[in-house]
């Protein structure tokens, strides 16, 4: 399933609703067993009271995983440096070299698919193993992370995906050498996590601590 919606008046309404509900790449390994277990629990629920009690948490867990792995369609604005993640701005810090780091914390309730902040070429992608700190902890910078270096018309942009305490699995969707568009999906972080974007030298941030942002839609920079 893709973002594109088939044209034509006969099926436009139906396909729009379908195309706007999709699951993240890399989620099948979690969703298929969860819903398989749920189906088995529902069958068992028809046979006994104990089965019905077991079915409730199974359905709840499957629904929670489905919500977590949702991947909504986004429409990027025509210009600007976009947020790479859904969530809340945790920090906006001057790095001392003319760049500003914007850290976005992603709770388990947020969409966890990450997107490219600009049209770019992926120059480098480096995976670093790490610890188990919660993503909202400052020391989470030592957790498992993937550091992206993006070549853009506005200069090099660094993006860092940081895994949280649970599962700690980062799934890149593109590889070094690939060209990506603004707002294009570039990867997934499973469960609580954080994404940092380093604005190019001299670019003034347009967001503040505590602000809620959406990947591929919210601008991080000022005009």
N, C-alpha and C. Protein backbone atom coordinates (compact mmCIF):
# COMPACT_ATOMS: atom_id res chain seq x y z
N UNK A 1 0.83 -1.19 0.00
CA UNK A 1 0.00 0.00 0.00
C UNK A 1 0.87 1.24 0.00
N UNK A 2 0.55 2.22 -0.80
CA UNK A 2 1.36 3.43 -0.91
C UNK A 2 0.54 4.64 -0.56
N UNK A 3 1.22 5.82 -0.57
CA UNK A 3 0.52 7.06 -0.29
C UNK A 3 -0.40 7.44 -1.43
N UNK A 4 -0.12 6.95 -2.64
CA UNK A 4 -0.90 7.37 -3.80
C UNK A 4 -2.31 6.83 -3.73
N UNK A 5 -3.28 7.64 -4.13
CA UNK A 5 -4.67 7.24 -4.16
C UNK A 5 -5.11 7.10 -5.59
N UNK A 6 -5.62 5.94 -6.03
CA UNK A 6 -6.06 5.77 -7.40
C UNK A 6 -7.10 6.81 -7.76
N UNK A 7 -7.01 7.33 -8.99
CA UNK A 7 -7.93 8.35 -9.42
C UNK A 7 -9.19 7.73 -9.98
N UNK A 8 -10.20 8.57 -10.16
CA UNK A 8 -11.45 8.09 -10.72
C UNK A 8 -12.60 8.30 -9.79
N UNK A 9 -13.71 8.90 -10.25
CA UNK A 9 -14.82 9.22 -9.38
C UNK A 9 -15.50 8.01 -8.77
N UNK A 10 -15.42 6.86 -9.42
CA UNK A 10 -16.14 5.69 -8.93
C UNK A 10 -15.57 5.16 -7.63
N UNK A 11 -14.24 5.25 -7.44
CA UNK A 11 -13.64 4.65 -6.25
C UNK A 11 -12.86 5.63 -5.40
N UNK A 12 -12.96 6.92 -5.69
CA UNK A 12 -12.12 7.88 -4.98
C UNK A 12 -12.40 7.91 -3.50
N UNK A 13 -13.67 7.93 -3.09
CA UNK A 13 -13.99 8.01 -1.67
C UNK A 13 -13.53 6.79 -0.90
N UNK A 14 -13.74 5.59 -1.48
CA UNK A 14 -13.36 4.37 -0.78
C UNK A 14 -11.86 4.24 -0.65
N UNK A 15 -11.11 4.54 -1.72
CA UNK A 15 -9.67 4.34 -1.66
C UNK A 15 -8.98 5.36 -0.79
N UNK A 16 -9.56 6.55 -0.66
CA UNK A 16 -8.94 7.57 0.20
C UNK A 16 -8.91 7.10 1.64
N UNK A 17 -10.02 6.55 2.14
CA UNK A 17 -10.05 6.10 3.53
C UNK A 17 -9.11 4.93 3.75
N UNK A 18 -8.99 4.04 2.74
CA UNK A 18 -8.09 2.90 2.88
C UNK A 18 -6.64 3.35 2.87
N UNK A 19 -6.26 4.24 1.94
CA UNK A 19 -4.87 4.64 1.80
C UNK A 19 -4.38 5.43 2.99
N UNK A 20 -5.31 6.04 3.74
CA UNK A 20 -4.89 6.83 4.89
C UNK A 20 -4.71 5.99 6.14
N UNK A 21 -4.98 4.69 6.06
CA UNK A 21 -4.70 3.80 7.18
C UNK A 21 -3.71 2.76 6.72
N UNK A 22 -2.50 2.84 7.20
CA UNK A 22 -1.48 1.88 6.83
C UNK A 22 -0.61 1.63 8.05
N UNK A 23 0.08 0.50 8.02
CA UNK A 23 0.95 0.12 9.12
C UNK A 23 2.40 0.31 8.70
N UNK A 24 3.23 0.59 9.70
CA UNK A 24 4.64 0.87 9.43
C UNK A 24 5.36 -0.37 8.94
N UNK A 25 6.29 -0.16 8.00
CA UNK A 25 7.19 -1.23 7.61
C UNK A 25 7.99 -1.67 8.84
N UNK A 26 8.19 -2.96 8.98
CA UNK A 26 8.92 -3.48 10.13
C UNK A 26 8.02 -3.83 11.30
N UNK A 27 6.69 -3.70 11.12
CA UNK A 27 5.77 -3.98 12.22
C UNK A 27 5.17 -5.39 12.15
N UNK A 28 5.29 -6.06 11.01
CA UNK A 28 4.63 -7.35 10.83
C UNK A 28 5.10 -8.39 11.85
N UNK A 29 6.39 -8.34 12.21
CA UNK A 29 6.93 -9.33 13.15
C UNK A 29 6.25 -9.23 14.51
N UNK A 30 5.67 -8.08 14.81
CA UNK A 30 4.96 -7.89 16.07
C UNK A 30 3.45 -8.08 15.91
N UNK A 31 2.90 -7.54 14.84
CA UNK A 31 1.46 -7.55 14.67
C UNK A 31 0.90 -8.93 14.34
N UNK A 32 1.57 -9.68 13.47
CA UNK A 32 1.03 -10.97 13.07
C UNK A 32 0.93 -11.95 14.25
N UNK A 33 1.99 -12.12 15.07
CA UNK A 33 1.84 -13.01 16.23
C UNK A 33 0.79 -12.51 17.22
N UNK A 34 0.74 -11.17 17.40
CA UNK A 34 -0.21 -10.61 18.37
C UNK A 34 -1.65 -10.89 17.95
N UNK A 35 -1.96 -10.64 16.68
CA UNK A 35 -3.32 -10.87 16.23
C UNK A 35 -3.61 -12.36 16.06
N UNK A 36 -2.59 -13.17 15.79
CA UNK A 36 -2.78 -14.62 15.77
C UNK A 36 -3.17 -15.14 17.14
N UNK A 37 -2.46 -14.64 18.17
CA UNK A 37 -2.79 -15.05 19.54
C UNK A 37 -4.17 -14.55 19.94
N UNK A 38 -4.52 -13.37 19.46
CA UNK A 38 -5.84 -12.82 19.76
C UNK A 38 -6.94 -13.66 19.14
N UNK A 39 -6.73 -14.08 17.89
CA UNK A 39 -7.72 -14.93 17.23
C UNK A 39 -7.91 -16.25 18.00
N UNK A 40 -6.78 -16.83 18.45
CA UNK A 40 -6.86 -18.08 19.21
C UNK A 40 -7.60 -17.85 20.53
N UNK A 41 -7.34 -16.69 21.16
CA UNK A 41 -8.00 -16.39 22.43
C UNK A 41 -9.50 -16.19 22.25
N UNK A 42 -9.88 -15.57 21.13
CA UNK A 42 -11.30 -15.37 20.87
C UNK A 42 -12.01 -16.70 20.66
N UNK A 43 -11.36 -17.62 19.96
CA UNK A 43 -11.94 -18.96 19.77
C UNK A 43 -12.10 -19.65 21.12
N UNK A 44 -11.06 -19.54 21.97
CA UNK A 44 -11.12 -20.17 23.29
C UNK A 44 -12.20 -19.52 24.16
N UNK A 45 -12.45 -18.23 23.92
CA UNK A 45 -13.44 -17.52 24.73
C UNK A 45 -14.84 -18.07 24.55
N UNK A 46 -15.08 -18.71 23.43
CA UNK A 46 -16.40 -19.28 23.17
C UNK A 46 -16.65 -20.56 23.95
N UNK A 47 -15.57 -21.10 24.51
CA UNK A 47 -15.68 -22.41 25.14
C UNK A 47 -15.72 -22.35 26.66
N UNK A 48 -15.15 -21.28 27.24
CA UNK A 48 -15.09 -21.25 28.70
C UNK A 48 -14.98 -19.82 29.22
N UNK A 49 -15.29 -19.67 30.49
CA UNK A 49 -15.17 -18.35 31.14
C UNK A 49 -13.71 -17.95 31.23
N UNK A 50 -12.83 -18.93 31.49
CA UNK A 50 -11.39 -18.63 31.54
C UNK A 50 -10.90 -18.12 30.19
N UNK A 51 -11.39 -18.72 29.12
CA UNK A 51 -11.01 -18.26 27.78
C UNK A 51 -11.42 -16.84 27.54
N UNK A 52 -12.61 -16.46 28.04
CA UNK A 52 -13.06 -15.08 27.86
C UNK A 52 -12.17 -14.11 28.62
N UNK A 53 -11.73 -14.50 29.80
CA UNK A 53 -10.84 -13.64 30.58
C UNK A 53 -9.49 -13.46 29.90
N UNK A 54 -9.01 -14.52 29.25
CA UNK A 54 -7.73 -14.43 28.55
C UNK A 54 -7.85 -13.62 27.26
N UNK A 55 -9.03 -13.62 26.66
CA UNK A 55 -9.21 -12.91 25.40
C UNK A 55 -9.11 -11.40 25.57
N UNK A 56 -9.57 -10.88 26.70
CA UNK A 56 -9.59 -9.43 26.89
C UNK A 56 -8.20 -8.80 26.82
N UNK A 57 -7.20 -9.30 27.60
CA UNK A 57 -5.86 -8.70 27.48
C UNK A 57 -5.23 -8.93 26.12
N UNK A 58 -5.53 -10.05 25.47
CA UNK A 58 -4.97 -10.32 24.14
C UNK A 58 -5.48 -9.30 23.14
N UNK A 59 -6.79 -9.03 23.17
CA UNK A 59 -7.36 -8.02 22.26
C UNK A 59 -6.78 -6.65 22.57
N UNK A 60 -6.69 -6.33 23.87
CA UNK A 60 -6.15 -5.03 24.26
C UNK A 60 -4.71 -4.83 23.80
N UNK A 61 -3.88 -5.87 23.96
CA UNK A 61 -2.48 -5.76 23.54
C UNK A 61 -2.37 -5.61 22.03
N UNK A 62 -3.18 -6.35 21.28
CA UNK A 62 -3.13 -6.25 19.82
C UNK A 62 -3.58 -4.88 19.34
N UNK A 63 -4.61 -4.34 19.95
CA UNK A 63 -5.06 -2.99 19.59
C UNK A 63 -4.00 -1.95 19.91
N UNK A 64 -3.32 -2.11 21.05
CA UNK A 64 -2.27 -1.17 21.43
C UNK A 64 -1.12 -1.21 20.43
N UNK A 65 -0.72 -2.41 20.02
CA UNK A 65 0.36 -2.54 19.04
C UNK A 65 -0.04 -1.95 17.69
N UNK A 66 -1.28 -2.17 17.30
CA UNK A 66 -1.76 -1.62 16.03
C UNK A 66 -1.72 -0.10 16.07
N UNK A 67 -2.12 0.48 17.18
CA UNK A 67 -2.06 1.94 17.33
C UNK A 67 -0.63 2.43 17.29
N UNK A 68 0.26 1.73 17.97
CA UNK A 68 1.65 2.15 18.02
C UNK A 68 2.29 2.14 16.63
N UNK A 69 1.99 1.12 15.83
CA UNK A 69 2.64 0.96 14.53
C UNK A 69 1.89 1.64 13.39
N UNK A 70 0.94 2.48 13.69
CA UNK A 70 0.22 3.18 12.62
C UNK A 70 1.18 4.09 11.85
N UNK A 71 0.87 4.32 10.60
CA UNK A 71 1.75 5.13 9.74
C UNK A 71 0.87 6.04 8.87
N UNK A 72 0.44 7.17 9.42
CA UNK A 72 -0.51 8.02 8.69
C UNK A 72 0.14 8.73 7.51
N UNK A 73 -0.70 9.09 6.56
CA UNK A 73 -0.25 9.88 5.41
C UNK A 73 0.01 11.30 5.87
N UNK A 74 1.08 11.90 5.39
CA UNK A 74 1.42 13.28 5.73
C UNK A 74 1.65 14.07 4.43
N UNK A 75 1.32 15.37 4.48
CA UNK A 75 1.54 16.26 3.35
C UNK A 75 2.53 17.34 3.76
N UNK A 76 3.80 17.24 3.34
CA UNK A 76 4.81 18.21 3.75
C UNK A 76 4.52 19.60 3.17
N UNK A 77 4.86 20.66 3.89
CA UNK A 77 4.75 22.02 3.34
C UNK A 77 5.78 22.20 2.23
N UNK A 78 5.62 23.23 1.39
CA UNK A 78 6.50 23.37 0.22
C UNK A 78 7.94 23.75 0.55
N UNK A 79 8.20 24.23 1.75
CA UNK A 79 9.56 24.63 2.09
C UNK A 79 9.80 24.49 3.59
N UNK A 80 11.07 24.63 3.99
CA UNK A 80 11.42 24.57 5.40
C UNK A 80 12.08 23.26 5.79
N UNK A 81 12.68 23.27 6.98
CA UNK A 81 13.28 22.07 7.56
C UNK A 81 12.22 21.47 8.47
N UNK A 82 11.82 20.24 8.20
CA UNK A 82 10.68 19.64 8.87
C UNK A 82 11.11 18.75 10.03
N UNK A 83 10.21 18.61 10.98
CA UNK A 83 10.46 17.67 12.07
C UNK A 83 10.59 16.27 11.51
N UNK A 84 11.52 15.50 12.06
CA UNK A 84 11.71 14.11 11.63
C UNK A 84 10.87 13.15 12.44
N UNK A 85 10.24 13.65 13.53
CA UNK A 85 9.52 12.76 14.43
C UNK A 85 8.26 13.43 14.96
N UNK A 86 7.29 12.61 15.32
CA UNK A 86 6.14 13.07 16.08
C UNK A 86 6.54 13.10 17.56
N UNK A 87 5.98 14.04 18.30
CA UNK A 87 6.25 14.05 19.73
C UNK A 87 6.33 15.44 20.30
N UNK A 88 7.11 15.58 21.38
CA UNK A 88 7.24 16.83 22.11
C UNK A 88 8.69 17.28 22.09
N UNK A 89 8.91 18.56 21.81
CA UNK A 89 10.27 19.09 21.79
C UNK A 89 10.83 19.03 23.22
N UNK A 90 11.91 18.27 23.36
CA UNK A 90 12.52 18.08 24.68
C UNK A 90 13.59 19.13 24.97
N UNK A 91 14.32 19.53 23.94
CA UNK A 91 15.37 20.54 24.13
C UNK A 91 15.67 21.24 22.81
N UNK A 92 16.12 22.48 22.91
CA UNK A 92 16.60 23.27 21.77
C UNK A 92 17.93 23.85 22.23
N UNK A 93 19.03 23.30 21.73
CA UNK A 93 20.35 23.64 22.29
C UNK A 93 21.32 24.12 21.23
N UNK A 94 21.95 25.26 21.51
CA UNK A 94 23.03 25.76 20.67
C UNK A 94 24.24 24.85 20.86
N UNK A 95 24.81 24.39 19.77
CA UNK A 95 25.93 23.45 19.85
C UNK A 95 27.29 24.11 19.90
N UNK A 96 27.32 25.44 19.83
CA UNK A 96 28.59 26.15 19.90
C UNK A 96 29.35 26.24 18.60
N UNK A 97 28.82 25.63 17.54
CA UNK A 97 29.48 25.69 16.23
C UNK A 97 28.58 26.32 15.18
N UNK A 98 27.55 27.02 15.64
CA UNK A 98 26.60 27.64 14.73
C UNK A 98 25.38 26.80 14.46
N UNK A 99 25.40 25.54 14.89
CA UNK A 99 24.25 24.65 14.69
C UNK A 99 23.37 24.63 15.94
N UNK A 100 22.12 24.25 15.75
CA UNK A 100 21.19 24.08 16.87
C UNK A 100 20.64 22.66 16.83
N UNK A 101 20.66 22.00 17.98
CA UNK A 101 20.09 20.65 18.07
C UNK A 101 18.69 20.73 18.64
N UNK A 102 17.74 20.13 17.92
CA UNK A 102 16.36 20.05 18.39
C UNK A 102 16.06 18.59 18.67
N UNK A 103 15.77 18.27 19.94
CA UNK A 103 15.49 16.90 20.35
C UNK A 103 13.99 16.74 20.55
N UNK A 104 13.42 15.73 19.92
CA UNK A 104 11.99 15.44 20.03
C UNK A 104 11.79 14.09 20.71
N UNK A 105 11.07 14.11 21.84
CA UNK A 105 10.78 12.88 22.57
C UNK A 105 9.50 12.27 22.03
N UNK A 106 9.55 10.97 21.74
CA UNK A 106 8.41 10.23 21.22
C UNK A 106 7.90 9.28 22.30
N UNK A 107 6.69 9.54 22.80
CA UNK A 107 6.10 8.63 23.78
C UNK A 107 5.51 7.43 23.06
N UNK A 108 5.16 6.36 23.79
CA UNK A 108 4.54 5.21 23.12
C UNK A 108 3.24 5.53 22.40
N UNK A 109 2.63 6.67 22.68
CA UNK A 109 1.38 7.05 22.02
C UNK A 109 1.61 7.75 20.69
N UNK A 110 2.85 8.18 20.43
CA UNK A 110 3.14 8.88 19.19
C UNK A 110 3.39 7.92 18.03
N UNK A 111 3.24 8.42 16.81
CA UNK A 111 3.68 7.69 15.62
C UNK A 111 5.19 7.56 15.69
N UNK A 112 5.72 6.38 15.39
CA UNK A 112 7.16 6.16 15.52
C UNK A 112 7.88 5.99 14.18
N UNK A 113 7.21 6.32 13.10
CA UNK A 113 7.86 6.37 11.79
C UNK A 113 8.53 7.73 11.65
N UNK A 114 9.80 7.73 11.29
CA UNK A 114 10.56 8.98 11.14
C UNK A 114 10.68 9.37 9.67
N UNK A 115 10.82 10.68 9.43
CA UNK A 115 10.81 11.21 8.08
C UNK A 115 11.98 12.16 7.85
N UNK A 116 12.36 12.30 6.58
CA UNK A 116 13.46 13.18 6.24
C UNK A 116 13.04 14.64 6.41
N UNK A 117 13.88 15.46 7.04
CA UNK A 117 13.51 16.87 7.24
C UNK A 117 13.62 17.73 5.98
N UNK A 118 14.35 17.25 4.98
CA UNK A 118 14.61 18.02 3.75
C UNK A 118 14.81 17.07 2.57
N UNK A 119 14.69 17.58 1.34
CA UNK A 119 15.19 16.78 0.22
C UNK A 119 16.69 16.60 0.42
N UNK A 120 17.17 15.39 0.28
CA UNK A 120 18.57 15.14 0.64
C UNK A 120 19.09 13.87 -0.01
N UNK A 121 20.41 13.76 0.05
CA UNK A 121 21.10 12.52 -0.28
C UNK A 121 21.70 11.99 1.01
N UNK A 122 21.48 10.71 1.29
CA UNK A 122 22.03 10.11 2.51
C UNK A 122 23.51 9.84 2.29
N UNK A 123 24.34 10.67 2.91
CA UNK A 123 25.78 10.52 2.73
C UNK A 123 26.34 9.43 3.64
N UNK A 124 25.80 9.35 4.86
CA UNK A 124 26.34 8.38 5.82
C UNK A 124 25.24 7.97 6.78
N UNK A 125 25.36 6.73 7.24
CA UNK A 125 24.39 6.17 8.21
C UNK A 125 25.17 5.22 9.11
N UNK A 126 25.35 5.60 10.36
CA UNK A 126 26.20 4.83 11.27
C UNK A 126 25.38 4.35 12.46
N UNK A 127 25.40 3.04 12.69
CA UNK A 127 24.70 2.44 13.83
C UNK A 127 25.64 2.31 15.01
N UNK A 128 25.18 2.77 16.19
CA UNK A 128 25.97 2.65 17.42
C UNK A 128 25.16 1.83 18.43
N UNK A 129 25.69 0.70 18.90
CA UNK A 129 25.01 -0.02 19.98
C UNK A 129 25.08 0.81 21.25
N UNK A 130 24.18 0.53 22.20
CA UNK A 130 24.20 1.35 23.41
C UNK A 130 23.44 0.74 24.55
N UNK A 131 23.08 1.62 25.51
CA UNK A 131 22.49 1.19 26.77
C UNK A 131 20.98 1.12 26.75
N UNK A 132 20.40 1.23 27.96
CA UNK A 132 18.98 0.97 28.15
C UNK A 132 18.26 2.13 28.83
N UNK A 133 18.78 3.34 28.72
CA UNK A 133 18.16 4.47 29.41
C UNK A 133 16.84 4.85 28.75
N UNK A 134 15.86 5.34 29.55
CA UNK A 134 14.62 5.84 28.94
C UNK A 134 14.92 6.96 27.96
N UNK A 135 14.13 7.07 26.91
CA UNK A 135 14.40 8.04 25.85
C UNK A 135 14.32 9.48 26.33
N UNK A 136 13.55 9.73 27.40
CA UNK A 136 13.44 11.11 27.91
C UNK A 136 14.61 11.49 28.81
N UNK A 137 15.45 10.54 29.17
CA UNK A 137 16.62 10.79 30.01
C UNK A 137 17.74 11.38 29.17
N UNK A 138 18.44 12.39 29.71
CA UNK A 138 19.55 13.00 28.97
C UNK A 138 20.61 11.98 28.61
N UNK A 139 20.83 10.98 29.48
CA UNK A 139 21.84 9.96 29.21
C UNK A 139 21.41 8.99 28.12
N UNK A 140 20.19 9.16 27.58
CA UNK A 140 19.75 8.27 26.50
C UNK A 140 20.59 8.46 25.24
N UNK A 141 21.39 9.53 25.20
CA UNK A 141 22.31 9.73 24.07
C UNK A 141 23.31 8.59 23.96
N UNK A 142 23.44 7.80 25.02
CA UNK A 142 24.35 6.65 25.01
C UNK A 142 23.62 5.36 24.63
N UNK A 143 22.34 5.45 24.36
CA UNK A 143 21.57 4.28 23.94
C UNK A 143 21.92 3.88 22.52
N UNK A 144 21.33 2.76 22.09
CA UNK A 144 21.42 2.39 20.68
C UNK A 144 20.94 3.57 19.85
N UNK A 145 21.67 3.89 18.77
CA UNK A 145 21.28 5.03 17.95
C UNK A 145 21.81 4.84 16.53
N UNK A 146 21.17 5.53 15.61
CA UNK A 146 21.63 5.57 14.23
C UNK A 146 21.83 7.04 13.88
N UNK A 147 23.04 7.37 13.45
CA UNK A 147 23.39 8.75 13.10
C UNK A 147 23.39 8.89 11.59
N UNK A 148 22.54 9.78 11.08
CA UNK A 148 22.43 10.04 9.65
C UNK A 148 23.12 11.35 9.31
N UNK A 149 23.87 11.37 8.22
CA UNK A 149 24.39 12.61 7.65
C UNK A 149 23.73 12.81 6.30
N UNK A 150 22.98 13.91 6.20
CA UNK A 150 22.22 14.20 4.99
C UNK A 150 22.83 15.38 4.25
N UNK A 151 23.05 15.21 2.95
CA UNK A 151 23.52 16.32 2.12
C UNK A 151 22.29 17.03 1.56
N UNK A 152 22.17 18.33 1.86
CA UNK A 152 21.01 19.09 1.41
C UNK A 152 21.47 20.40 0.77
N UNK A 153 20.55 21.10 0.12
CA UNK A 153 20.87 22.37 -0.50
C UNK A 153 21.20 23.44 0.55
N UNK A 154 20.81 23.20 1.78
CA UNK A 154 21.08 24.16 2.85
C UNK A 154 22.30 23.77 3.68
N UNK A 155 23.02 22.78 3.21
CA UNK A 155 24.19 22.32 3.93
C UNK A 155 23.94 20.98 4.59
N UNK A 156 24.97 20.41 5.20
CA UNK A 156 24.81 19.10 5.84
C UNK A 156 23.88 19.17 7.04
N UNK A 157 23.03 18.17 7.17
CA UNK A 157 22.11 18.06 8.30
C UNK A 157 22.34 16.71 8.96
N UNK A 158 22.52 16.73 10.27
CA UNK A 158 22.68 15.49 11.04
C UNK A 158 21.36 15.15 11.71
N UNK A 159 20.97 13.88 11.60
CA UNK A 159 19.76 13.38 12.24
C UNK A 159 20.15 12.15 13.04
N UNK A 160 19.68 12.08 14.29
CA UNK A 160 20.04 10.95 15.16
C UNK A 160 18.77 10.30 15.69
N UNK A 161 18.60 9.01 15.37
CA UNK A 161 17.51 8.22 15.94
C UNK A 161 18.05 7.53 17.19
N UNK A 162 17.38 7.71 18.32
CA UNK A 162 17.83 7.15 19.59
C UNK A 162 16.76 6.23 20.13
N UNK A 163 17.11 4.98 20.38
CA UNK A 163 16.15 4.01 20.90
C UNK A 163 15.94 4.22 22.39
N UNK A 164 14.80 3.76 22.89
CA UNK A 164 14.50 3.88 24.31
C UNK A 164 14.89 2.64 25.08
N UNK A 165 14.29 2.50 26.29
CA UNK A 165 14.65 1.39 27.18
C UNK A 165 14.06 0.07 26.72
N UNK A 166 12.92 0.12 26.01
CA UNK A 166 12.25 -1.11 25.60
C UNK A 166 12.63 -1.49 24.18
N UNK A 167 12.99 -2.73 24.00
CA UNK A 167 13.26 -3.34 22.70
C UNK A 167 14.51 -2.78 22.01
N UNK A 168 14.63 -1.45 21.93
CA UNK A 168 15.83 -0.79 21.39
C UNK A 168 16.14 -1.26 19.97
N UNK A 169 15.17 -1.20 19.12
CA UNK A 169 15.38 -1.64 17.75
C UNK A 169 15.05 -0.52 16.78
N UNK A 170 16.04 -0.11 15.98
CA UNK A 170 15.87 0.93 14.97
C UNK A 170 15.90 0.26 13.60
N UNK A 171 14.92 0.59 12.78
CA UNK A 171 14.79 -0.05 11.46
C UNK A 171 14.90 1.02 10.37
N UNK A 172 16.08 1.21 9.76
CA UNK A 172 16.20 2.17 8.65
C UNK A 172 15.47 1.66 7.42
N UNK A 173 14.85 2.58 6.69
CA UNK A 173 14.16 2.23 5.45
C UNK A 173 15.01 2.51 4.21
N UNK A 174 16.00 3.38 4.32
CA UNK A 174 16.86 3.71 3.18
C UNK A 174 18.32 3.56 3.59
N UNK A 175 19.19 3.47 2.60
CA UNK A 175 20.61 3.22 2.85
C UNK A 175 21.46 4.38 2.35
N UNK A 176 22.72 4.42 2.75
CA UNK A 176 23.62 5.47 2.24
C UNK A 176 23.64 5.49 0.72
N UNK A 177 23.65 6.69 0.17
CA UNK A 177 23.62 6.86 -1.28
C UNK A 177 22.24 7.13 -1.83
N UNK A 178 21.21 6.85 -1.03
CA UNK A 178 19.84 7.05 -1.49
C UNK A 178 19.48 8.53 -1.47
N UNK A 179 18.62 8.93 -2.39
CA UNK A 179 18.06 10.28 -2.40
C UNK A 179 16.66 10.22 -1.81
N UNK A 180 16.34 11.17 -0.94
CA UNK A 180 15.03 11.19 -0.29
C UNK A 180 14.40 12.56 -0.46
N UNK A 181 13.10 12.60 -0.43
CA UNK A 181 12.37 13.85 -0.53
C UNK A 181 12.00 14.34 0.86
N UNK A 182 11.61 15.59 0.97
CA UNK A 182 11.18 16.14 2.26
C UNK A 182 9.94 15.40 2.74
N UNK A 183 9.98 14.92 3.97
CA UNK A 183 8.85 14.20 4.53
C UNK A 183 8.79 12.73 4.18
N UNK A 184 9.76 12.24 3.42
CA UNK A 184 9.77 10.82 3.06
C UNK A 184 10.10 9.97 4.28
N UNK A 185 9.45 8.83 4.40
CA UNK A 185 9.73 7.92 5.50
C UNK A 185 11.15 7.37 5.37
N UNK A 186 11.92 7.46 6.46
CA UNK A 186 13.29 6.98 6.41
C UNK A 186 13.57 5.87 7.42
N UNK A 187 12.67 5.66 8.38
CA UNK A 187 12.93 4.61 9.35
C UNK A 187 11.90 4.56 10.45
N UNK A 188 12.04 3.56 11.31
CA UNK A 188 11.12 3.30 12.42
C UNK A 188 11.94 3.02 13.67
N UNK A 189 11.48 3.54 14.81
CA UNK A 189 12.06 3.16 16.09
C UNK A 189 10.97 2.47 16.89
N UNK A 190 11.24 1.25 17.33
CA UNK A 190 10.22 0.50 18.05
C UNK A 190 10.18 0.91 19.52
N UNK A 191 9.04 1.42 19.93
CA UNK A 191 8.72 1.81 21.29
C UNK A 191 9.49 3.08 21.71
N UNK A 192 9.28 3.53 22.95
CA UNK A 192 9.71 4.85 23.39
C UNK A 192 11.09 5.26 22.87
N UNK A 193 11.21 6.48 22.37
CA UNK A 193 12.44 6.85 21.68
C UNK A 193 12.54 8.36 21.49
N UNK A 194 13.62 8.79 20.84
CA UNK A 194 13.89 10.20 20.63
C UNK A 194 14.59 10.39 19.30
N UNK A 195 14.35 11.55 18.67
CA UNK A 195 15.02 11.88 17.42
C UNK A 195 15.57 13.30 17.53
N UNK A 196 16.85 13.46 17.22
CA UNK A 196 17.51 14.77 17.22
C UNK A 196 17.77 15.21 15.79
N UNK A 197 17.50 16.48 15.51
CA UNK A 197 17.86 17.08 14.23
C UNK A 197 18.77 18.27 14.51
N UNK A 198 19.93 18.29 13.86
CA UNK A 198 20.87 19.39 13.99
C UNK A 198 20.66 20.33 12.81
N UNK A 199 20.14 21.52 13.08
CA UNK A 199 19.92 22.49 12.02
C UNK A 199 21.25 22.96 11.45
N UNK A 200 21.30 23.30 10.16
CA UNK A 200 22.55 23.78 9.57
C UNK A 200 23.04 25.06 10.24
N UNK A 201 24.29 25.37 10.03
CA UNK A 201 24.91 26.56 10.63
C UNK A 201 24.12 27.81 10.26
N UNK A 202 23.81 28.61 11.29
CA UNK A 202 23.15 29.89 11.06
C UNK A 202 21.65 29.84 10.95
N UNK A 203 21.05 28.66 10.99
CA UNK A 203 19.59 28.54 10.86
C UNK A 203 18.95 28.71 12.23
N UNK A 204 17.96 29.60 12.32
CA UNK A 204 17.31 29.90 13.59
C UNK A 204 16.14 28.95 13.82
N UNK A 205 16.05 28.34 15.01
CA UNK A 205 14.94 27.42 15.27
C UNK A 205 13.61 28.16 15.43
N UNK A 206 12.53 27.48 15.05
CA UNK A 206 11.20 28.08 15.15
C UNK A 206 10.32 27.36 16.16
N UNK A 207 10.87 26.38 16.88
CA UNK A 207 10.09 25.64 17.87
C UNK A 207 10.68 25.89 19.25
N UNK A 208 9.91 25.54 20.27
CA UNK A 208 10.36 25.74 21.64
C UNK A 208 10.09 24.50 22.47
N UNK A 209 10.75 24.43 23.62
CA UNK A 209 10.60 23.27 24.51
C UNK A 209 9.14 23.12 24.91
N UNK A 210 8.67 21.89 24.85
CA UNK A 210 7.30 21.58 25.22
C UNK A 210 6.32 21.61 24.06
N UNK A 211 6.76 22.10 22.91
CA UNK A 211 5.87 22.18 21.75
C UNK A 211 5.67 20.80 21.13
N UNK A 212 4.47 20.50 20.71
CA UNK A 212 4.18 19.25 20.03
C UNK A 212 4.43 19.42 18.54
N UNK A 213 5.07 18.44 17.93
CA UNK A 213 5.42 18.51 16.50
C UNK A 213 4.99 17.23 15.81
N UNK A 214 4.88 17.32 14.48
CA UNK A 214 4.50 16.17 13.66
C UNK A 214 5.53 15.97 12.55
N UNK A 215 5.97 14.74 12.40
CA UNK A 215 6.97 14.43 11.37
C UNK A 215 6.44 14.74 9.99
N UNK A 216 7.28 15.42 9.19
CA UNK A 216 6.92 15.71 7.82
C UNK A 216 5.96 16.87 7.66
N UNK A 217 5.57 17.53 8.75
CA UNK A 217 4.62 18.64 8.66
C UNK A 217 5.08 19.89 9.43
N UNK A 218 5.61 19.73 10.63
CA UNK A 218 5.97 20.88 11.45
C UNK A 218 7.34 21.42 11.04
N UNK A 219 7.41 22.73 10.78
CA UNK A 219 8.70 23.36 10.45
C UNK A 219 9.53 23.58 11.72
N UNK A 220 10.80 23.27 11.63
CA UNK A 220 11.72 23.52 12.74
C UNK A 220 12.45 24.84 12.62
N UNK A 221 12.50 25.42 11.40
CA UNK A 221 13.29 26.63 11.15
C UNK A 221 12.38 27.82 10.85
N UNK A 222 12.95 29.00 11.02
CA UNK A 222 12.26 30.24 10.65
C UNK A 222 12.59 30.62 9.21
N UNK A 223 11.70 31.39 8.60
CA UNK A 223 11.94 31.88 7.24
C UNK A 223 13.15 32.80 7.21
